[in-house]
Amino acid sequence: FQKFLLPTLTTPSVIIMDNARFHRMGKLELLCEEFGHKLLPLPPYSPEYNPIEKTWVHIKKNLKKVLPSCNTFYEALLSCSCFN
């Protein structure tokens, strides 16, 4: 975040992030302010604002079907109907 994202933003920006627990919002907010940006966290679980969540639901559903018959996770991904 500090090394790759913030230095590329050349004008004051609003950074929208999901509110995952592993994101240290307090520290990230301070970093954003230090670089002249604003951090806007999404509500904790907000699939309507984060379209990738719908994709993960689809992938997980399909993986649950094929995982028991596969030897590795990679094999399960390859045989998963959602990738065909």
PDB file of N, CA and C in Angstrom:
ATOM      1  N   PHE A   1       0.832  -1.186   0.000  1.00  0.00           N
ATOM      2  CA  PHE A   1       0.000   0.000   0.000  1.00  0.00           C
ATOM      3  C   PHE A   1       0.875   1.247   0.000  1.00  0.00           C
ATOM      4  N   GLN A   2       1.729   1.333   0.993  1.00  0.00           N
ATOM      5  CA  GLN A   2       2.596   2.503   1.131  1.00  0.00           C
ATOM      6  C   GLN A   2       3.669   2.547   0.047  1.00  0.00           C
ATOM      7  N   LYS A   3       4.153   1.382  -0.331  1.00  0.00           N
ATOM      8  CA  LYS A   3       5.261   1.320  -1.284  1.00  0.00           C
ATOM      9  C   LYS A   3       4.795   1.402  -2.740  1.00  0.00           C
ATOM     10  N   PHE A   4       3.623   0.807  -3.048  1.00  0.00           N
ATOM     11  CA  PHE A   4       3.216   0.699  -4.448  1.00  0.00           C
ATOM     12  C   PHE A   4       2.023   1.571  -4.833  1.00  0.00           C
ATOM     13  N   LEU A   5       1.021   1.694  -3.976  1.00  0.00           N
ATOM     14  CA  LEU A   5      -0.173   2.458  -4.354  1.00  0.00           C
ATOM     15  C   LEU A   5       0.001   3.954  -4.125  1.00  0.00           C
ATOM     16  N   LEU A   6       0.299   4.336  -2.907  1.00  0.00           N
ATOM     17  CA  LEU A   6       0.334   5.760  -2.573  1.00  0.00           C
ATOM     18  C   LEU A   6       1.280   6.576  -3.453  1.00  0.00           C
ATOM     19  N   PRO A   7       2.478   6.115  -3.749  1.00  0.00           N
ATOM     20  CA  PRO A   7       3.369   6.924  -4.594  1.00  0.00           C
ATOM     21  C   PRO A   7       2.863   7.130  -6.027  1.00  0.00           C
ATOM     22  N   THR A   8       1.956   6.276  -6.501  1.00  0.00           N
ATOM     23  CA  THR A   8       1.471   6.415  -7.884  1.00  0.00           C
ATOM     24  C   THR A   8       0.340   7.428  -8.010  1.00  0.00           C
ATOM     25  N   LEU A   9      -0.262   7.810  -6.899  1.00  0.00           N
ATOM     26  CA  LEU A   9      -1.368   8.768  -6.937  1.00  0.00           C
ATOM     27  C   LEU A   9      -0.796  10.181  -6.916  1.00  0.00           C
ATOM     28  N   THR A  10      -0.920  10.871  -8.046  1.00  0.00           N
ATOM     29  CA  THR A  10      -0.275  12.179  -8.183  1.00  0.00           C
ATOM     30  C   THR A  10      -1.168  13.341  -7.758  1.00  0.00           C
ATOM     31  N   THR A  11      -2.461  13.100  -7.628  1.00  0.00           N
ATOM     32  CA  THR A  11      -3.380  14.135  -7.147  1.00  0.00           C
ATOM     33  C   THR A  11      -4.134  13.586  -5.940  1.00  0.00           C
ATOM     34  N   PRO A  12      -4.646  14.467  -5.087  1.00  0.00           N
ATOM     35  CA  PRO A  12      -5.417  13.985  -3.938  1.00  0.00           C
ATOM     36  C   PRO A  12      -6.545  13.057  -4.406  1.00  0.00           C
ATOM     37  N   SER A  13      -6.632  11.896  -3.780  1.00  0.00           N
ATOM     38  CA  SER A  13      -7.569  10.862  -4.222  1.00  0.00           C
ATOM     39  C   SER A  13      -8.354  10.298  -3.048  1.00  0.00           C
ATOM     40  N   VAL A  14      -9.495   9.693  -3.368  1.00  0.00           N
ATOM     41  CA  VAL A  14     -10.268   8.926  -2.396  1.00  0.00           C
ATOM     42  C   VAL A  14      -9.998   7.459  -2.697  1.00  0.00           C
ATOM     43  N   ILE A  15      -9.491   6.734  -1.715  1.00  0.00           N
ATOM     44  CA  ILE A  15      -9.170   5.316  -1.871  1.00  0.00           C
ATOM     45  C   ILE A  15     -10.267   4.516  -1.193  1.00  0.00           C
ATOM     46  N   ILE A  16     -10.986   3.719  -1.976  1.00  0.00           N
ATOM     47  CA  ILE A  16     -12.082   2.906  -1.452  1.00  0.00           C
ATOM     48  C   ILE A  16     -11.555   1.501  -1.225  1.00  0.00           C
ATOM     49  N   MET A  17     -11.718   1.009   0.014  1.00  0.00           N
ATOM     50  CA  MET A  17     -11.223  -0.327   0.360  1.00  0.00           C
ATOM     51  C   MET A  17     -12.309  -1.111   1.069  1.00  0.00           C
ATOM     52  N   ASP A  18     -12.256  -2.442   0.893  1.00  0.00           N
ATOM     53  CA  ASP A  18     -13.155  -3.254   1.702  1.00  0.00           C
ATOM     54  C   ASP A  18     -12.694  -3.148   3.151  1.00  0.00           C
ATOM     55  N   ASN A  19     -13.556  -3.530   4.049  1.00  0.00           N
ATOM     56  CA  ASN A  19     -13.284  -3.327   5.468  1.00  0.00           C
ATOM     57  C   ASN A  19     -12.846  -4.626   6.131  1.00  0.00           C
ATOM     58  N   ALA A  20     -12.015  -5.401   5.434  1.00  0.00           N
ATOM     59  CA  ALA A  20     -11.524  -6.661   5.989  1.00  0.00           C
ATOM     60  C   ALA A  20     -10.721  -6.386   7.256  1.00  0.00           C
ATOM     61  N   ARG A  21     -10.834  -7.298   8.214  1.00  0.00           N
ATOM     62  CA  ARG A  21     -10.170  -7.095   9.503  1.00  0.00           C
ATOM     63  C   ARG A  21      -8.659  -6.959   9.380  1.00  0.00           C
ATOM     64  N   PHE A  22      -8.078  -7.656   8.394  1.00  0.00           N
ATOM     65  CA  PHE A  22      -6.622  -7.599   8.280  1.00  0.00           C
ATOM     66  C   PHE A  22      -6.120  -6.261   7.746  1.00  0.00           C
ATOM     67  N   HIS A  23      -7.016  -5.439   7.189  1.00  0.00           N
ATOM     68  CA  HIS A  23      -6.623  -4.090   6.796  1.00  0.00           C
ATOM     69  C   HIS A  23      -6.623  -3.236   8.063  1.00  0.00           C
ATOM     70  N   ARG A  24      -5.513  -2.709   8.403  1.00  0.00           N
ATOM     71  CA  ARG A  24      -5.386  -1.877   9.603  1.00  0.00           C
ATOM     72  C   ARG A  24      -5.855  -0.469   9.263  1.00  0.00           C
ATOM     73  N   MET A  25      -7.172  -0.242   9.381  1.00  0.00           N
ATOM     74  CA  MET A  25      -7.762   1.012   8.914  1.00  0.00           C
ATOM     75  C   MET A  25      -7.159   2.246   9.573  1.00  0.00           C
ATOM     76  N   GLY A  26      -6.902   2.177  10.868  1.00  0.00           N
ATOM     77  CA  GLY A  26      -6.328   3.344  11.541  1.00  0.00           C
ATOM     78  C   GLY A  26      -4.995   3.745  10.941  1.00  0.00           C
ATOM     79  N   LYS A  27      -4.128   2.765  10.755  1.00  0.00           N
ATOM     80  CA  LYS A  27      -2.800   3.022  10.187  1.00  0.00           C
ATOM     81  C   LYS A  27      -2.918   3.476   8.732  1.00  0.00           C
ATOM     82  N   LEU A  28      -3.814   2.825   7.973  1.00  0.00           N
ATOM     83  CA  LEU A  28      -3.975   3.190   6.564  1.00  0.00           C
ATOM     84  C   LEU A  28      -4.538   4.598   6.419  1.00  0.00           C
ATOM     85  N   GLU A  29      -5.474   4.971   7.299  1.00  0.00           N
ATOM     86  CA  GLU A  29      -6.026   6.331   7.249  1.00  0.00           C
ATOM     87  C   GLU A  29      -4.932   7.372   7.481  1.00  0.00           C
ATOM     88  N   LEU A  30      -4.071   7.109   8.457  1.00  0.00           N
ATOM     89  CA  LEU A  30      -2.969   8.038   8.736  1.00  0.00           C
ATOM     90  C   LEU A  30      -2.021   8.152   7.545  1.00  0.00           C
ATOM     91  N   LEU A  31      -1.705   7.012   6.924  1.00  0.00           N
ATOM     92  CA  LEU A  31      -0.832   7.031   5.745  1.00  0.00           C
ATOM     93  C   LEU A  31      -1.466   7.826   4.610  1.00  0.00           C
ATOM     94  N   CYS A  32      -2.758   7.593   4.379  1.00  0.00           N
ATOM     95  CA  CYS A  32      -3.451   8.313   3.307  1.00  0.00           C
ATOM     96  C   CYS A  32      -3.415   9.815   3.554  1.00  0.00           C
ATOM     97  N   GLU A  33      -3.723  10.217   4.782  1.00  0.00           N
ATOM     98  CA  GLU A  33      -3.702  11.643   5.115  1.00  0.00           C
ATOM     99  C   GLU A  33      -2.306  12.230   4.932  1.00  0.00           C
ATOM    100  N   GLU A  34      -1.298  11.465   5.308  1.00  0.00           N
ATOM    101  CA  GLU A  34       0.090  11.911   5.167  1.00  0.00           C
ATOM    102  C   GLU A  34       0.428  12.204   3.707  1.00  0.00           C
ATOM    103  N   PHE A  35      -0.152  11.412   2.782  1.00  0.00           N
ATOM    104  CA  PHE A  35       0.099  11.585   1.349  1.00  0.00           C
ATOM    105  C   PHE A  35      -0.948  12.483   0.678  1.00  0.00           C
ATOM    106  N   GLY A  36      -1.896  13.030   1.469  1.00  0.00           N
ATOM    107  CA  GLY A  36      -2.900  13.939   0.927  1.00  0.00           C
ATOM    108  C   GLY A  36      -4.126  13.262   0.344  1.00  0.00           C
ATOM    109  N   HIS A  37      -4.408  12.040   0.770  1.00  0.00           N
ATOM    110  CA  HIS A  37      -5.545  11.282   0.252  1.00  0.00           C
ATOM    111  C   HIS A  37      -6.551  10.996   1.364  1.00  0.00           C
ATOM    112  N   LYS A  38      -7.711  10.517   0.974  1.00  0.00           N
ATOM    113  CA  LYS A  38      -8.769  10.153   1.920  1.00  0.00           C
ATOM    114  C   LYS A  38      -9.075   8.675   1.751  1.00  0.00           C
ATOM    115  N   LEU A  39      -9.184   7.953   2.862  1.00  0.00           N
ATOM    116  CA  LEU A  39      -9.534   6.535   2.836  1.00  0.00           C
ATOM    117  C   LEU A  39     -11.013   6.387   3.149  1.00  0.00           C
ATOM    118  N   LEU A  40     -11.729   5.662   2.291  1.00  0.00           N
ATOM    119  CA  LEU A  40     -13.153   5.417   2.487  1.00  0.00           C
ATOM    120  C   LEU A  40     -13.379   3.909   2.582  1.00  0.00           C
ATOM    121  N   PRO A  41     -13.523   3.380   3.807  1.00  0.00           N
ATOM    122  CA  PRO A  41     -13.754   1.938   3.943  1.00  0.00           C
ATOM    123  C   PRO A  41     -15.212   1.586   3.654  1.00  0.00           C
ATOM    124  N   LEU A  42     -15.415   0.462   2.972  1.00  0.00           N
ATOM    125  CA  LEU A  42     -16.761  -0.047   2.738  1.00  0.00           C
ATOM    126  C   LEU A  42     -17.297  -0.654   4.029  1.00  0.00           C
ATOM    127  N   PRO A  43     -18.619  -0.842   4.145  1.00  0.00           N
ATOM    128  CA  PRO A  43     -19.159  -1.559   5.304  1.00  0.00           C
ATOM    129  C   PRO A  43     -18.534  -2.956   5.370  1.00  0.00           C
ATOM    130  N   PRO A  44     -18.484  -3.584   6.572  1.00  0.00           N
ATOM    131  CA  PRO A  44     -17.785  -4.866   6.740  1.00  0.00           C
ATOM    132  C   PRO A  44     -18.110  -5.936   5.702  1.00  0.00           C
ATOM    133  N   TYR A  45     -19.370  -6.208   5.423  1.00  0.00           N
ATOM    134  CA  TYR A  45     -19.701  -7.171   4.373  1.00  0.00           C
ATOM    135  C   TYR A  45     -20.642  -6.461   3.425  1.00  0.00           C
ATOM    136  N   SER A  46     -20.162  -6.131   2.250  1.00  0.00           N
ATOM    137  CA  SER A  46     -20.955  -5.330   1.323  1.00  0.00           C
ATOM    138  C   SER A  46     -20.784  -5.820  -0.106  1.00  0.00           C
ATOM    139  N   PRO A  47     -21.319  -7.007  -0.430  1.00  0.00           N
ATOM    140  CA  PRO A  47     -21.143  -7.534  -1.787  1.00  0.00           C
ATOM    141  C   PRO A  47     -21.743  -6.635  -2.862  1.00  0.00           C
ATOM    142  N   GLU A  48     -22.741  -5.819  -2.492  1.00  0.00           N
ATOM    143  CA  GLU A  48     -23.341  -4.930  -3.486  1.00  0.00           C
ATOM    144  C   GLU A  48     -22.364  -3.842  -3.933  1.00  0.00           C
ATOM    145  N   TYR A  49     -21.365  -3.539  -3.109  1.00  0.00           N
ATOM    146  CA  TYR A  49     -20.356  -2.544  -3.470  1.00  0.00           C
ATOM    147  C   TYR A  49     -19.073  -3.181  -3.988  1.00  0.00           C
ATOM    148  N   ASN A  50     -18.962  -4.476  -3.859  1.00  0.00           N
ATOM    149  CA  ASN A  50     -17.735  -5.185  -4.219  1.00  0.00           C
ATOM    150  C   ASN A  50     -18.107  -6.365  -5.122  1.00  0.00           C
ATOM    151  N   PRO A  51     -18.245  -6.136  -6.432  1.00  0.00           N
ATOM    152  CA  PRO A  51     -18.743  -7.165  -7.355  1.00  0.00           C
ATOM    153  C   PRO A  51     -17.960  -8.474  -7.356  1.00  0.00           C
ATOM    154  N   ILE A  52     -16.699  -8.462  -6.979  1.00  0.00           N
ATOM    155  CA  ILE A  52     -15.916  -9.701  -6.978  1.00  0.00           C
ATOM    156  C   ILE A  52     -16.501 -10.711  -5.996  1.00  0.00           C
ATOM    157  N   GLU A  53     -17.232 -10.237  -4.984  1.00  0.00           N
ATOM    158  CA  GLU A  53     -17.842 -11.139  -4.003  1.00  0.00           C
ATOM    159  C   GLU A  53     -18.788 -12.132  -4.686  1.00  0.00           C
ATOM    160  N   LYS A  54     -19.518 -11.675  -5.691  1.00  0.00           N
ATOM    161  CA  LYS A  54     -20.438 -12.566  -6.419  1.00  0.00           C
ATOM    162  C   LYS A  54     -19.657 -13.651  -7.167  1.00  0.00           C
ATOM    163  N   THR A  55     -18.516 -13.286  -7.686  1.00  0.00           N
ATOM    164  CA  THR A  55     -17.670 -14.255  -8.380  1.00  0.00           C
ATOM    165  C   THR A  55     -17.142 -15.295  -7.407  1.00  0.00           C
ATOM    166  N   TRP A  56     -16.686 -14.859  -6.221  1.00  0.00           N
ATOM    167  CA  TRP A  56     -16.171 -15.801  -5.214  1.00  0.00           C
ATOM    168  C   TRP A  56     -17.251 -16.781  -4.780  1.00  0.00           C
ATOM    169  N   VAL A  57     -18.485 -16.314  -4.626  1.00  0.00           N
ATOM    170  CA  VAL A  57     -19.586 -17.212  -4.250  1.00  0.00           C
ATOM    171  C   VAL A  57     -19.734 -18.308  -5.294  1.00  0.00           C
ATOM    172  N   HIS A  58     -19.690 -17.937  -6.556  1.00  0.00           N
ATOM    173  CA  HIS A  58     -19.828 -18.895  -7.656  1.00  0.00           C
ATOM    174  C   HIS A  58     -18.666 -19.898  -7.657  1.00  0.00           C
ATOM    175  N   ILE A  59     -17.454 -19.396  -7.506  1.00  0.00           N
ATOM    176  CA  ILE A  59     -16.271 -20.267  -7.506  1.00  0.00           C
ATOM    177  C   ILE A  59     -16.310 -21.233  -6.330  1.00  0.00           C
ATOM    178  N   LYS A  60     -16.612 -20.728  -5.131  1.00  0.00           N
ATOM    179  CA  LYS A  60     -16.655 -21.582  -3.934  1.00  0.00           C
ATOM    180  C   LYS A  60     -17.707 -22.677  -4.074  1.00  0.00           C
ATOM    181  N   LYS A  61     -18.858 -22.316  -4.619  1.00  0.00           N
ATOM    182  CA  LYS A  61     -19.942 -23.291  -4.808  1.00  0.00           C
ATOM    183  C   LYS A  61     -19.482 -24.433  -5.712  1.00  0.00           C
ATOM    184  N   ASN A  62     -18.830 -24.088  -6.806  1.00  0.00           N
ATOM    185  CA  ASN A  62     -18.360 -25.108  -7.744  1.00  0.00           C
ATOM    186  C   ASN A  62     -17.195 -25.920  -7.184  1.00  0.00           C
ATOM    187  N   LEU A  63     -16.320 -25.283  -6.443  1.00  0.00           N
ATOM    188  CA  LEU A  63     -15.193 -26.005  -5.848  1.00  0.00           C
ATOM    189  C   LEU A  63     -15.656 -27.034  -4.824  1.00  0.00           C
ATOM    190  N   LYS A  64     -16.688 -26.697  -4.054  1.00  0.00           N
ATOM    191  CA  LYS A  64     -17.207 -27.643  -3.059  1.00  0.00           C
ATOM    192  C   LYS A  64     -17.666 -28.939  -3.718  1.00  0.00           C
ATOM    193  N   LYS A  65     -18.152 -28.837  -4.941  1.00  0.00           N
ATOM    194  CA  LYS A  65     -18.632 -30.024  -5.664  1.00  0.00           C
ATOM    195  C   LYS A  65     -17.479 -30.926  -6.101  1.00  0.00           C
ATOM    196  N   VAL A  66     -16.370 -30.336  -6.526  1.00  0.00           N
ATOM    197  CA  VAL A  66     -15.289 -31.129  -7.115  1.00  0.00           C
ATOM    198  C   VAL A  66     -14.142 -31.456  -6.158  1.00  0.00           C
ATOM    199  N   LEU A  67     -13.977 -30.706  -5.086  1.00  0.00           N
ATOM    200  CA  LEU A  67     -12.850 -30.928  -4.171  1.00  0.00           C
ATOM    201  C   LEU A  67     -12.754 -32.356  -3.632  1.00  0.00           C
ATOM    202  N   PRO A  68     -13.859 -32.990  -3.226  1.00  0.00           N
ATOM    203  CA  PRO A  68     -13.729 -34.345  -2.669  1.00  0.00           C
ATOM    204  C   PRO A  68     -13.125 -35.365  -3.636  1.00  0.00           C
ATOM    205  N   SER A  69     -13.292 -35.156  -4.926  1.00  0.00           N
ATOM    206  CA  SER A  69     -12.793 -36.137  -5.894  1.00  0.00           C
ATOM    207  C   SER A  69     -11.426 -35.766  -6.481  1.00  0.00           C
ATOM    208  N   CYS A  70     -10.808 -34.721  -5.982  1.00  0.00           N
ATOM    209  CA  CYS A  70      -9.518 -34.270  -6.515  1.00  0.00           C
ATOM    210  C   CYS A  70      -8.407 -34.477  -5.488  1.00  0.00           C
ATOM    211  N   ASN A  71      -7.199 -34.678  -5.995  1.00  0.00           N
ATOM    212  CA  ASN A  71      -6.040 -34.869  -5.120  1.00  0.00           C
ATOM    213  C   ASN A  71      -5.413 -33.557  -4.662  1.00  0.00           C
ATOM    214  N   THR A  72      -5.526 -32.527  -5.485  1.00  0.00           N
ATOM    215  CA  THR A  72      -4.929 -31.234  -5.140  1.00  0.00           C
ATOM    216  C   THR A  72      -5.924 -30.118  -5.421  1.00  0.00           C
ATOM    217  N   PHE A  73      -5.672 -28.982  -4.804  1.00  0.00           N
ATOM    218  CA  PHE A  73      -6.516 -27.819  -5.032  1.00  0.00           C
ATOM    219  C   PHE A  73      -6.412 -27.373  -6.491  1.00  0.00           C
ATOM    220  N   TYR A  74      -5.207 -27.424  -7.033  1.00  0.00           N
ATOM    221  CA  TYR A  74      -4.989 -27.047  -8.430  1.00  0.00           C
ATOM    222  C   TYR A  74      -5.818 -27.932  -9.365  1.00  0.00           C
ATOM    223  N   GLU A  75      -5.820 -29.227  -9.099  1.00  0.00           N
ATOM    224  CA  GLU A  75      -6.622 -30.162  -9.900  1.00  0.00           C
ATOM    225  C   GLU A  75      -8.105 -29.803  -9.798  1.00  0.00           C
ATOM    226  N   ALA A  76      -8.541 -29.439  -8.608  1.00  0.00           N
ATOM    227  CA  ALA A  76      -9.940 -29.044  -8.419  1.00  0.00           C
ATOM    228  C   ALA A  76     -10.263 -27.803  -9.241  1.00  0.00           C
ATOM    229  N   LEU A  77      -9.361 -26.834  -9.239  1.00  0.00           N
ATOM    230  CA  LEU A  77      -9.582 -25.626 -10.042  1.00  0.00           C
ATOM    231  C   LEU A  77      -9.701 -25.959 -11.520  1.00  0.00           C
ATOM    232  N   LEU A  78      -8.823 -26.849 -11.993  1.00  0.00           N
ATOM    233  CA  LEU A  78      -8.851 -27.217 -13.408  1.00  0.00           C
ATOM    234  C   LEU A  78     -10.126 -27.954 -13.789  1.00  0.00           C
ATOM    235  N   SER A  79     -10.660 -28.748 -12.875  1.00  0.00           N
ATOM    236  CA  SER A  79     -11.857 -29.527 -13.200  1.00  0.00           C
ATOM    237  C   SER A  79     -13.151 -28.799 -12.852  1.00  0.00           C
ATOM    238  N   CYS A  80     -13.038 -27.652 -12.260  1.00  0.00           N
ATOM    239  CA  CYS A  80     -14.213 -26.895 -11.827  1.00  0.00           C
ATOM    240  C   CYS A  80     -14.968 -26.359 -13.046  1.00  0.00           C
ATOM    241  N   SER A  81     -16.252 -26.609 -13.082  1.00  0.00           N
ATOM    242  CA  SER A  81     -17.063 -26.195 -14.232  1.00  0.00           C
ATOM    243  C   SER A  81     -17.113 -24.683 -14.398  1.00  0.00           C
ATOM    244  N   CYS A  82     -16.860 -23.943 -13.345  1.00  0.00           N
ATOM    245  CA  CYS A  82     -16.928 -22.485 -13.463  1.00  0.00           C
ATOM    246  C   CYS A  82     -15.774 -21.915 -14.282  1.00  0.00           C
ATOM    247  N   PHE A  83     -14.744 -22.713 -14.561  1.00  0.00           N
ATOM    248  CA  PHE A  83     -13.619 -22.245 -15.365  1.00  0.00           C
ATOM    249  C   PHE A  83     -13.636 -22.818 -16.774  1.00  0.00           C
ATOM    250  N   ASN A  84     -14.633 -23.601 -17.109  1.00  0.00           N
ATOM    251  CA  ASN A  84     -14.725 -24.203 -18.449  1.00  0.00           C
ATOM    252  C   ASN A  84     -15.582 -23.361 -19.356  1.00  0.00           C
TER     253      ASN A  84
END
